[in-house]
Amino acid sequence: MVEMDGGYTLPGMVTLRRREKIFSVPEGKNLERILRDLGILPETVIVVQNGKIIPLDYRPRDGEEFELIDVISGG
């Protein structure tokens, strides 16, 4: 896993953006595993690609990019 400043993505990598942070991770794992490996609880974010919510069991492929939207809850 690599936290990137922006610019480019290495071959075989997937990009996730959360607020100001950009993560580049190897393809091959599903989104839930990727999030956990990054120390992000899957239930605290929604994964979005091109305006669509992506299920956590999805396995990203080389070059795909995703946005992580924080879930806000309260009472």
Protein backbone atom coordinates (compact mmCIF):
# COMPACT_ATOMS: atom_id res chain seq x y z
CA MET A 1 0.00 0.00 0.00
CA VAL A 2 1.22 3.44 -0.87
CA GLU A 3 -0.21 6.79 0.15
CA MET A 4 0.21 9.00 -2.89
CA ASP A 5 0.38 12.78 -3.23
CA GLY A 6 -1.25 12.50 -6.63
CA GLY A 7 0.17 12.39 -10.10
CA TYR A 8 0.33 8.80 -11.27
CA THR A 9 -0.70 5.24 -10.47
CA LEU A 10 1.63 2.27 -10.75
CA PRO A 11 0.61 -0.70 -12.97
CA GLY A 12 -1.57 -3.26 -11.19
CA MET A 13 -2.74 -0.67 -8.69
CA VAL A 14 -6.11 0.72 -7.62
CA THR A 15 -6.61 4.29 -6.37
CA LEU A 16 -8.84 5.29 -3.46
CA ARG A 17 -9.42 8.90 -2.42
CA ARG A 18 -10.62 9.93 1.03
CA ARG A 19 -10.70 13.63 1.81
CA GLU A 20 -7.18 14.91 1.07
CA LYS A 21 -5.58 11.46 1.12
CA ILE A 22 -4.96 9.32 -1.94
CA PHE A 23 -4.12 5.63 -1.51
CA SER A 24 -2.71 3.38 -4.20
CA VAL A 25 -3.12 -0.33 -3.41
CA PRO A 26 -2.49 -3.55 -5.35
CA GLU A 27 -5.42 -5.07 -7.18
CA GLY A 28 -6.64 -8.56 -6.23
CA LYS A 29 -8.49 -8.05 -2.95
CA ASN A 30 -12.11 -7.02 -2.51
CA LEU A 31 -12.94 -3.51 -1.31
CA GLU A 32 -13.75 -4.64 2.23
CA ARG A 33 -10.30 -6.24 2.63
CA ILE A 34 -8.58 -3.22 1.08
CA LEU A 35 -10.35 -0.86 3.49
CA ARG A 36 -9.46 -3.01 6.50
CA ASP A 37 -5.82 -3.19 5.35
CA LEU A 38 -5.82 0.63 5.24
CA GLY A 39 -7.18 0.77 8.80
CA ILE A 40 -10.58 2.03 7.63
CA LEU A 41 -13.69 0.35 9.06
CA PRO A 42 -15.86 -0.54 6.04
CA GLU A 43 -19.04 0.50 7.86
CA THR A 44 -17.73 4.08 8.18
CA VAL A 45 -17.49 4.81 4.44
CA ILE A 46 -19.38 4.41 1.18
CA VAL A 47 -17.30 3.47 -1.86
CA VAL A 48 -18.29 5.42 -4.98
CA GLN A 49 -17.14 5.15 -8.59
CA ASN A 50 -18.52 7.44 -11.31
CA GLY A 51 -21.43 8.44 -9.06
CA LYS A 52 -22.45 4.83 -8.27
CA ILE A 53 -22.18 3.05 -4.92
CA ILE A 54 -19.92 0.02 -5.24
CA PRO A 55 -20.50 -3.09 -3.06
CA LEU A 56 -17.73 -4.06 -0.65
CA ASP A 57 -17.36 -7.53 -2.19
CA TYR A 58 -16.28 -5.98 -5.52
CA ARG A 59 -12.68 -6.74 -6.60
CA PRO A 60 -11.19 -3.64 -8.25
CA ARG A 61 -9.06 -4.02 -11.35
CA ASP A 62 -5.90 -2.27 -12.48
CA GLY A 63 -6.32 1.47 -12.93
CA GLU A 64 -9.76 1.80 -11.32
CA GLU A 65 -10.35 4.81 -9.07
CA PHE A 66 -12.79 5.14 -6.18
CA GLU A 67 -13.92 7.87 -3.80
CA LEU A 68 -14.49 7.07 -0.13
CA ILE A 69 -17.36 9.08 1.36
CA ASP A 70 -17.57 9.20 5.15
CA VAL A 71 -20.86 8.02 6.63
CA ILE A 72 -22.24 10.48 9.15
CA SER A 73 -24.61 9.19 11.80
CA GLY A 74 -26.22 10.73 14.80
CA GLY A 75 -29.34 10.91 16.79
